[in-house]
Amino acid sequence: MNVKSRKYNIAAFASGTGSNFINIYKYVRNRNINAHISLLISNNPNCKAINFAKDNDIKYEIINNSRFSNNRIDDGMLNILQDHKIDLIVLAGYMKKIPKKVIKYYYNRILNIHPALLPKFGGKGFYGMNVHEAVIRSKEKTTGVTIHLVDDNYDTG
């Protein structure tokens, strides 16, 4: 199989409604993206993204402190990703910092979708409505979304 025809295995990470995850899934399903969403990872067992995954036969895993102790989340997450042969991780509304061990293993293969233009509206605490409210309060004339590679810090990759 040549590289152009290879389908890449994606793990989507989501914590809430999953709207970005759902849209990515639709693009993949319609063959606009040469990939397969193999896995959803969430820290929130009650998030709507999990319901969508269940309804669409997408495997999912809950990775949080209830399942793994703090010092085991790195290994647990990395093992799960490797077991599913994940090529690319897409953070689609994921509200937790990615463990350093996972960032190192998937270096330049983790994308984050951030709901504002970085670096001005990024960092710890800038998520969901907090970001949108900050943009409105600032009276910015331009706003948008930033898609960036993930590094060890919030919204700096």
N, C-alpha and C. Protein backbone atom coordinates (compact mmCIF):
# COMPACT_ATOMS: atom_id res chain seq x y z
N MET A 1 0.85 -1.18 0.00
CA MET A 1 0.00 0.00 0.00
C MET A 1 0.90 1.23 0.00
N ASN A 2 0.68 2.14 -0.93
CA ASN A 2 1.51 3.34 -0.93
C ASN A 2 0.99 4.35 0.09
N VAL A 3 1.82 5.31 0.41
CA VAL A 3 1.49 6.28 1.47
C VAL A 3 0.22 7.06 1.16
N LYS A 4 0.01 7.43 -0.11
CA LYS A 4 -1.16 8.24 -0.44
C LYS A 4 -2.46 7.48 -0.24
N SER A 5 -2.46 6.16 -0.39
CA SER A 5 -3.70 5.41 -0.25
C SER A 5 -3.89 4.86 1.17
N ARG A 6 -2.92 5.03 2.02
CA ARG A 6 -3.00 4.52 3.38
C ARG A 6 -4.02 5.33 4.18
N LYS A 7 -4.87 4.64 4.90
CA LYS A 7 -5.80 5.31 5.80
C LYS A 7 -5.16 5.40 7.17
N TYR A 8 -5.12 6.60 7.70
CA TYR A 8 -4.50 6.83 8.99
C TYR A 8 -5.52 6.63 10.10
N ASN A 9 -5.07 6.01 11.19
CA ASN A 9 -5.94 5.79 12.35
C ASN A 9 -5.87 7.01 13.25
N ILE A 10 -7.03 7.59 13.48
CA ILE A 10 -7.14 8.78 14.32
C ILE A 10 -7.79 8.42 15.64
N ALA A 11 -7.25 9.00 16.70
CA ALA A 11 -7.93 9.00 18.00
C ALA A 11 -8.38 10.43 18.23
N ALA A 12 -9.66 10.61 18.44
CA ALA A 12 -10.21 11.92 18.80
C ALA A 12 -10.34 11.95 20.31
N PHE A 13 -10.02 13.09 20.90
CA PHE A 13 -10.16 13.30 22.34
C PHE A 13 -11.22 14.37 22.53
N ALA A 14 -12.23 14.10 23.35
CA ALA A 14 -13.29 15.07 23.61
C ALA A 14 -13.76 14.94 25.05
N SER A 15 -14.23 16.04 25.61
CA SER A 15 -14.72 16.04 26.99
C SER A 15 -16.17 16.45 27.12
N GLY A 16 -16.75 17.01 26.09
CA GLY A 16 -18.10 17.58 26.21
C GLY A 16 -19.06 17.11 25.14
N THR A 17 -19.65 18.07 24.44
CA THR A 17 -20.69 17.74 23.46
C THR A 17 -20.17 16.98 22.26
N GLY A 18 -18.90 17.17 21.93
CA GLY A 18 -18.32 16.44 20.82
C GLY A 18 -18.61 17.04 19.46
N SER A 19 -18.98 18.30 19.40
CA SER A 19 -19.34 18.89 18.10
C SER A 19 -18.18 18.84 17.11
N ASN A 20 -16.96 19.13 17.55
CA ASN A 20 -15.81 19.02 16.64
C ASN A 20 -15.56 17.58 16.25
N PHE A 21 -15.63 16.68 17.21
CA PHE A 21 -15.47 15.25 16.96
C PHE A 21 -16.49 14.77 15.93
N ILE A 22 -17.73 15.16 16.08
CA ILE A 22 -18.80 14.75 15.15
C ILE A 22 -18.52 15.27 13.75
N ASN A 23 -18.09 16.52 13.64
CA ASN A 23 -17.79 17.07 12.31
C ASN A 23 -16.59 16.39 11.68
N ILE A 24 -15.58 16.09 12.44
CA ILE A 24 -14.44 15.35 11.90
C ILE A 24 -14.90 13.98 11.42
N TYR A 25 -15.71 13.31 12.22
CA TYR A 25 -16.25 12.00 11.83
C TYR A 25 -16.99 12.09 10.49
N LYS A 26 -17.81 13.13 10.32
CA LYS A 26 -18.57 13.29 9.07
C LYS A 26 -17.63 13.46 7.88
N TYR A 27 -16.58 14.24 8.04
CA TYR A 27 -15.61 14.42 6.95
C TYR A 27 -14.91 13.10 6.62
N VAL A 28 -14.57 12.34 7.63
CA VAL A 28 -13.93 11.04 7.40
C VAL A 28 -14.92 10.10 6.71
N ARG A 29 -16.14 10.05 7.20
CA ARG A 29 -17.16 9.16 6.64
C ARG A 29 -17.43 9.49 5.16
N ASN A 30 -17.41 10.77 4.84
CA ASN A 30 -17.66 11.20 3.46
C ASN A 30 -16.40 11.17 2.59
N ARG A 31 -15.33 10.61 3.15
CA ARG A 31 -14.05 10.44 2.45
C ARG A 31 -13.38 11.75 2.07
N ASN A 32 -13.67 12.80 2.81
CA ASN A 32 -12.96 14.07 2.62
C ASN A 32 -11.61 14.07 3.33
N ILE A 33 -11.44 13.13 4.24
CA ILE A 33 -10.18 12.94 4.96
C ILE A 33 -9.82 11.47 4.81
N ASN A 34 -8.60 11.19 4.39
CA ASN A 34 -8.16 9.81 4.18
C ASN A 34 -7.73 9.20 5.51
N ALA A 35 -8.72 8.86 6.31
CA ALA A 35 -8.44 8.37 7.65
C ALA A 35 -9.60 7.52 8.15
N HIS A 36 -9.39 6.96 9.32
CA HIS A 36 -10.42 6.21 10.02
C HIS A 36 -10.37 6.63 11.48
N ILE A 37 -11.49 7.03 12.04
CA ILE A 37 -11.51 7.34 13.47
C ILE A 37 -11.65 6.01 14.20
N SER A 38 -10.55 5.60 14.78
CA SER A 38 -10.48 4.30 15.44
C SER A 38 -10.90 4.34 16.89
N LEU A 39 -10.83 5.53 17.49
CA LEU A 39 -10.98 5.61 18.93
C LEU A 39 -11.38 7.01 19.37
N LEU A 40 -12.23 7.06 20.38
CA LEU A 40 -12.53 8.30 21.10
C LEU A 40 -11.99 8.12 22.51
N ILE A 41 -11.28 9.11 22.99
CA ILE A 41 -10.84 9.12 24.39
C ILE A 41 -11.48 10.31 25.06
N SER A 42 -12.02 10.07 26.25
CA SER A 42 -12.61 11.13 27.04
C SER A 42 -12.23 10.96 28.50
N ASN A 43 -12.16 12.06 29.20
CA ASN A 43 -11.98 12.04 30.64
C ASN A 43 -13.33 12.05 31.35
N ASN A 44 -14.39 12.30 30.58
CA ASN A 44 -15.73 12.51 31.14
C ASN A 44 -16.67 11.39 30.70
N PRO A 45 -16.99 10.45 31.59
CA PRO A 45 -17.84 9.32 31.20
C PRO A 45 -19.27 9.73 30.82
N ASN A 46 -19.66 10.96 31.12
CA ASN A 46 -21.02 11.42 30.82
C ASN A 46 -21.09 12.37 29.63
N CYS A 47 -20.00 12.51 28.88
CA CYS A 47 -20.01 13.47 27.77
C CYS A 47 -20.82 12.94 26.58
N LYS A 48 -21.38 13.86 25.84
CA LYS A 48 -22.22 13.50 24.69
C LYS A 48 -21.42 12.87 23.57
N ALA A 49 -20.12 13.16 23.51
CA ALA A 49 -19.28 12.56 22.48
C ALA A 49 -19.28 11.04 22.60
N ILE A 50 -19.36 10.51 23.81
CA ILE A 50 -19.39 9.06 24.01
C ILE A 50 -20.67 8.48 23.44
N ASN A 51 -21.79 9.16 23.64
CA ASN A 51 -23.05 8.67 23.06
C ASN A 51 -22.95 8.59 21.54
N PHE A 52 -22.34 9.60 20.92
CA PHE A 52 -22.16 9.59 19.48
C PHE A 52 -21.26 8.42 19.06
N ALA A 53 -20.18 8.21 19.81
CA ALA A 53 -19.28 7.09 19.50
C ALA A 53 -20.04 5.76 19.58
N LYS A 54 -20.82 5.58 20.62
CA LYS A 54 -21.61 4.34 20.76
C LYS A 54 -22.56 4.17 19.59
N ASP A 55 -23.26 5.24 19.22
CA ASP A 55 -24.24 5.18 18.13
C ASP A 55 -23.60 4.90 16.77
N ASN A 56 -22.29 5.17 16.65
CA ASN A 56 -21.61 5.02 15.36
C ASN A 56 -20.51 3.96 15.40
N ASP A 57 -20.61 3.07 16.36
CA ASP A 57 -19.68 1.93 16.48
C ASP A 57 -18.21 2.36 16.50
N ILE A 58 -17.93 3.44 17.21
CA ILE A 58 -16.55 3.88 17.40
C ILE A 58 -16.14 3.46 18.81
N LYS A 59 -15.02 2.78 18.91
CA LYS A 59 -14.53 2.37 20.22
C LYS A 59 -14.19 3.61 21.03
N TYR A 60 -14.37 3.51 22.33
CA TYR A 60 -14.05 4.64 23.19
C TYR A 60 -13.44 4.14 24.50
N GLU A 61 -12.68 5.00 25.11
CA GLU A 61 -12.05 4.73 26.40
C GLU A 61 -12.21 5.94 27.29
N ILE A 62 -12.48 5.69 28.56
CA ILE A 62 -12.51 6.74 29.57
C ILE A 62 -11.16 6.71 30.28
N ILE A 63 -10.47 7.84 30.25
CA ILE A 63 -9.17 7.92 30.92
C ILE A 63 -9.24 9.09 31.89
N ASN A 64 -9.34 8.74 33.16
CA ASN A 64 -9.40 9.77 34.20
C ASN A 64 -8.84 9.19 35.50
N ASN A 65 -8.86 9.99 36.55
CA ASN A 65 -8.29 9.56 37.83
C ASN A 65 -9.11 8.46 38.49
N SER A 66 -10.34 8.27 38.09
CA SER A 66 -11.13 7.16 38.64
C SER A 66 -10.64 5.83 38.08
N ARG A 67 -10.13 5.86 36.87
CA ARG A 67 -9.66 4.63 36.23
C ARG A 67 -8.16 4.40 36.47
N PHE A 68 -7.39 5.45 36.43
CA PHE A 68 -5.94 5.36 36.61
C PHE A 68 -5.51 6.34 37.69
N SER A 69 -4.53 5.95 38.50
CA SER A 69 -3.97 6.91 39.44
C SER A 69 -3.17 7.93 38.64
N ASN A 70 -2.91 9.09 39.24
CA ASN A 70 -2.20 10.17 38.54
C ASN A 70 -0.90 9.70 37.91
N ASN A 71 -0.15 8.86 38.61
CA ASN A 71 1.13 8.43 38.07
C ASN A 71 0.99 7.30 37.06
N ARG A 72 -0.22 6.84 36.78
CA ARG A 72 -0.44 5.76 35.81
C ARG A 72 -1.18 6.22 34.56
N ILE A 73 -1.71 7.44 34.56
CA ILE A 73 -2.46 7.93 33.39
C ILE A 73 -1.57 7.96 32.15
N ASP A 74 -0.32 8.41 32.28
CA ASP A 74 0.60 8.47 31.14
C ASP A 74 0.70 7.12 30.46
N ASP A 75 1.06 6.11 31.25
CA ASP A 75 1.25 4.77 30.70
C ASP A 75 -0.05 4.18 30.19
N GLY A 76 -1.14 4.39 30.95
CA GLY A 76 -2.43 3.86 30.53
C GLY A 76 -2.88 4.43 29.20
N MET A 77 -2.77 5.75 29.05
CA MET A 77 -3.18 6.40 27.81
C MET A 77 -2.30 5.94 26.65
N LEU A 78 -1.00 5.92 26.86
CA LEU A 78 -0.08 5.53 25.80
C LEU A 78 -0.32 4.08 25.38
N ASN A 79 -0.53 3.19 26.33
CA ASN A 79 -0.80 1.79 25.99
C ASN A 79 -2.08 1.63 25.18
N ILE A 80 -3.11 2.35 25.56
CA ILE A 80 -4.38 2.27 24.83
C ILE A 80 -4.20 2.77 23.40
N LEU A 81 -3.50 3.90 23.23
CA LEU A 81 -3.27 4.45 21.89
C LEU A 81 -2.45 3.48 21.04
N GLN A 82 -1.44 2.91 21.62
CA GLN A 82 -0.61 1.94 20.88
C GLN A 82 -1.40 0.68 20.55
N ASP A 83 -2.22 0.20 21.47
CA ASP A 83 -3.04 -1.00 21.21
C ASP A 83 -3.96 -0.79 20.01
N HIS A 84 -4.43 0.45 19.82
CA HIS A 84 -5.33 0.77 18.70
C HIS A 84 -4.56 1.23 17.46
N LYS A 85 -3.24 1.16 17.52
CA LYS A 85 -2.38 1.54 16.39
C LYS A 85 -2.70 2.95 15.86
N ILE A 86 -2.81 3.88 16.79
CA ILE A 86 -3.16 5.26 16.44
C ILE A 86 -1.97 5.96 15.78
N ASP A 87 -2.25 6.64 14.67
CA ASP A 87 -1.25 7.42 13.95
C ASP A 87 -1.29 8.90 14.31
N LEU A 88 -2.49 9.41 14.58
CA LEU A 88 -2.69 10.84 14.78
C LEU A 88 -3.74 11.04 15.87
N ILE A 89 -3.49 12.02 16.73
CA ILE A 89 -4.43 12.39 17.78
C ILE A 89 -4.98 13.77 17.45
N VAL A 90 -6.31 13.91 17.57
CA VAL A 90 -6.95 15.20 17.35
C VAL A 90 -7.72 15.57 18.63
N LEU A 91 -7.30 16.67 19.25
CA LEU A 91 -7.98 17.15 20.44
C LEU A 91 -9.15 18.01 19.99
N ALA A 92 -10.34 17.50 20.21
CA ALA A 92 -11.56 18.14 19.71
C ALA A 92 -12.43 18.51 20.91
N GLY A 93 -11.98 19.50 21.67
CA GLY A 93 -12.72 19.88 22.87
C GLY A 93 -12.33 19.04 24.06
N TYR A 94 -11.08 18.67 24.14
CA TYR A 94 -10.58 17.88 25.27
C TYR A 94 -10.07 18.83 26.34
N MET A 95 -10.52 18.67 27.57
CA MET A 95 -10.27 19.64 28.62
C MET A 95 -9.16 19.26 29.59
N LYS A 96 -8.32 18.33 29.21
CA LYS A 96 -7.21 17.93 30.08
C LYS A 96 -5.90 18.10 29.33
N LYS A 97 -4.85 18.32 30.08
CA LYS A 97 -3.52 18.40 29.48
C LYS A 97 -3.06 16.99 29.11
N ILE A 98 -2.44 16.88 27.95
CA ILE A 98 -1.95 15.59 27.48
C ILE A 98 -0.67 15.24 28.23
N PRO A 99 -0.55 14.01 28.72
CA PRO A 99 0.66 13.62 29.46
C PRO A 99 1.92 13.75 28.61
N LYS A 100 3.01 14.14 29.26
CA LYS A 100 4.28 14.36 28.56
C LYS A 100 4.75 13.12 27.80
N LYS A 101 4.53 11.95 28.37
CA LYS A 101 4.97 10.72 27.72
C LYS A 101 4.23 10.52 26.39
N VAL A 102 2.96 10.87 26.36
CA VAL A 102 2.17 10.76 25.13
C VAL A 102 2.63 11.80 24.11
N ILE A 103 2.88 13.02 24.58
CA ILE A 103 3.36 14.07 23.67
C ILE A 103 4.70 13.66 23.05
N LYS A 104 5.57 13.09 23.85
CA LYS A 104 6.88 12.67 23.34
C LYS A 104 6.72 11.57 22.29
N TYR A 105 5.90 10.58 22.57
CA TYR A 105 5.72 9.46 21.64
C TYR A 105 5.04 9.91 20.34
N TYR A 106 4.07 10.80 20.45
CA TYR A 106 3.31 11.28 19.28
C TYR A 106 3.77 12.68 18.84
N TYR A 107 5.03 12.98 19.03
CA TYR A 107 5.57 14.29 18.69
C TYR A 107 5.20 14.67 17.25
N ASN A 108 4.63 15.87 17.10
CA ASN A 108 4.16 16.40 15.81
C ASN A 108 3.03 15.58 15.19
N ARG A 109 2.34 14.79 16.02
CA ARG A 109 1.18 14.03 15.54
C ARG A 109 -0.02 14.22 16.46
N ILE A 110 -0.03 15.33 17.19
CA ILE A 110 -1.17 15.69 18.04
C ILE A 110 -1.62 17.08 17.63
N LEU A 111 -2.84 17.18 17.15
CA LEU A 111 -3.42 18.47 16.75
C LEU A 111 -4.45 18.90 17.77
N ASN A 112 -4.47 20.20 18.04
CA ASN A 112 -5.50 20.76 18.91
C ASN A 112 -6.33 21.75 18.11
N ILE A 113 -7.62 21.71 18.34
CA ILE A 113 -8.54 22.70 17.77
C ILE A 113 -8.89 23.67 18.90
N HIS A 114 -8.42 24.90 18.77
CA HIS A 114 -8.65 25.91 19.81
C HIS A 114 -9.63 26.95 19.27
N PRO A 115 -10.67 27.31 20.05
CA PRO A 115 -11.74 28.16 19.53
C PRO A 115 -11.47 29.66 19.49
N ALA A 116 -10.20 30.04 19.36
CA ALA A 116 -9.85 31.46 19.24
C ALA A 116 -8.47 31.57 18.61
N LEU A 117 -8.10 32.79 18.28
CA LEU A 117 -6.79 33.00 17.70
C LEU A 117 -5.74 33.04 18.81
N LEU A 118 -4.74 32.21 18.63
CA LEU A 118 -3.63 32.16 19.59
C LEU A 118 -2.52 33.08 19.12
N PRO A 119 -1.72 33.60 20.00
CA PRO A 119 -1.62 33.23 21.42
C PRO A 119 -2.48 34.09 22.34
N LYS A 120 -3.18 35.08 21.81
CA LYS A 120 -3.87 36.04 22.65
C LYS A 120 -4.92 35.42 23.57
N PHE A 121 -5.67 34.45 23.09
CA PHE A 121 -6.76 33.88 23.89
C PHE A 121 -6.51 32.40 24.15
N GLY A 122 -5.36 32.10 24.72
CA GLY A 122 -5.00 30.72 25.00
C GLY A 122 -4.39 30.57 26.37
N GLY A 123 -4.16 29.33 26.72
CA GLY A 123 -3.55 29.00 28.00
C GLY A 123 -4.57 28.42 28.96
N LYS A 124 -4.11 28.14 30.14
CA LYS A 124 -4.96 27.52 31.15
C LYS A 124 -6.19 28.39 31.43
N GLY A 125 -7.35 27.78 31.42
CA GLY A 125 -8.60 28.49 31.69
C GLY A 125 -9.30 29.00 30.44
N PHE A 126 -8.61 29.01 29.30
CA PHE A 126 -9.21 29.48 28.06
C PHE A 126 -9.77 28.28 27.29
N TYR A 127 -11.01 27.95 27.60
CA TYR A 127 -11.70 26.84 26.94
C TYR A 127 -13.18 27.19 26.86
N GLY A 128 -13.86 26.54 25.92
CA GLY A 128 -15.31 26.70 25.79
C GLY A 128 -15.75 28.16 25.79
N MET A 129 -16.81 28.44 26.55
CA MET A 129 -17.39 29.78 26.60
C MET A 129 -16.43 30.81 27.20
N ASN A 130 -15.50 30.36 28.06
CA ASN A 130 -14.52 31.30 28.63
C ASN A 130 -13.76 32.02 27.52
N VAL A 131 -13.39 31.28 26.49
CA VAL A 131 -12.66 31.87 25.36
C VAL A 131 -13.54 32.88 24.64
N HIS A 132 -14.76 32.48 24.30
CA HIS A 132 -15.66 33.35 23.53
C HIS A 132 -15.99 34.64 24.31
N GLU A 133 -16.23 34.49 25.60
CA GLU A 133 -16.53 35.66 26.42
C GLU A 133 -15.33 36.60 26.50
N ALA A 134 -14.11 36.05 26.59
CA ALA A 134 -12.90 36.88 26.63
C ALA A 134 -12.73 37.64 25.32
N VAL A 135 -13.00 36.98 24.20
CA VAL A 135 -12.89 37.65 22.90
C VAL A 135 -13.89 38.79 22.80
N ILE A 136 -15.12 38.55 23.21
CA ILE A 136 -16.17 39.59 23.16
C ILE A 136 -15.80 40.76 24.06
N ARG A 137 -15.36 40.46 25.29
CA ARG A 137 -14.97 41.52 26.22
C ARG A 137 -13.82 42.37 25.67
N SER A 138 -12.93 41.77 24.92
CA SER A 138 -11.77 42.50 24.39
C SER A 138 -12.13 43.41 23.22
N LYS A 139 -13.34 43.20 22.67
CA LYS A 139 -13.81 43.99 21.52
C LYS A 139 -12.90 43.83 20.30
N GLU A 140 -12.33 42.63 20.17
CA GLU A 140 -11.51 42.32 19.00
C GLU A 140 -12.35 42.46 17.74
N LYS A 141 -11.73 42.93 16.69
CA LYS A 141 -12.44 43.05 15.41
C LYS A 141 -12.37 41.76 14.60
N THR A 142 -11.39 40.92 14.93
CA THR A 142 -11.21 39.67 14.21
C THR A 142 -11.09 38.53 15.21
N THR A 143 -11.74 37.42 14.88
CA THR A 143 -11.59 36.22 15.68
C THR A 143 -11.56 35.03 14.74
N GLY A 144 -11.31 33.88 15.28
CA GLY A 144 -11.24 32.68 14.45
C GLY A 144 -10.88 31.48 15.29
N VAL A 145 -10.42 30.47 14.63
CA VAL A 145 -10.01 29.23 15.28
C VAL A 145 -8.54 29.02 14.98
N THR A 146 -7.84 28.36 15.90
CA THR A 146 -6.44 28.01 15.69
C THR A 146 -6.31 26.49 15.78
N ILE A 147 -5.70 25.91 14.78
CA ILE A 147 -5.37 24.49 14.83
C ILE A 147 -3.85 24.42 14.90
N HIS A 148 -3.35 23.77 15.95
CA HIS A 148 -1.90 23.77 16.16
C HIS A 148 -1.42 22.42 16.67
N LEU A 149 -0.12 22.19 16.49
CA LEU A 149 0.51 21.00 17.04
C LEU A 149 0.68 21.21 18.54
N VAL A 150 0.51 20.14 19.29
CA VAL A 150 0.55 20.20 20.75
C VAL A 150 1.99 19.99 21.25
N ASP A 151 2.37 20.81 22.24
CA ASP A 151 3.63 20.61 22.94
C ASP A 151 3.33 20.48 24.43
N ASP A 152 4.32 20.67 25.28
CA ASP A 152 4.16 20.47 26.71
C ASP A 152 3.35 21.53 27.44
N ASN A 153 3.05 22.65 26.77
CA ASN A 153 2.35 23.75 27.41
C ASN A 153 0.96 23.94 26.79
N TYR A 154 0.08 24.57 27.54
CA TYR A 154 -1.25 24.85 27.01
C TYR A 154 -1.16 25.84 25.84
N ASP A 155 -1.69 25.43 24.71
CA ASP A 155 -1.91 26.31 23.55
C ASP A 155 -0.68 27.05 23.04
N THR A 156 0.49 26.41 23.10
CA THR A 156 1.69 27.07 22.59
C THR A 156 2.35 26.34 21.44
N GLY A 157 1.89 25.19 21.08
CA GLY A 157 2.53 24.38 20.03
C GLY A 157 2.48 25.02 18.67
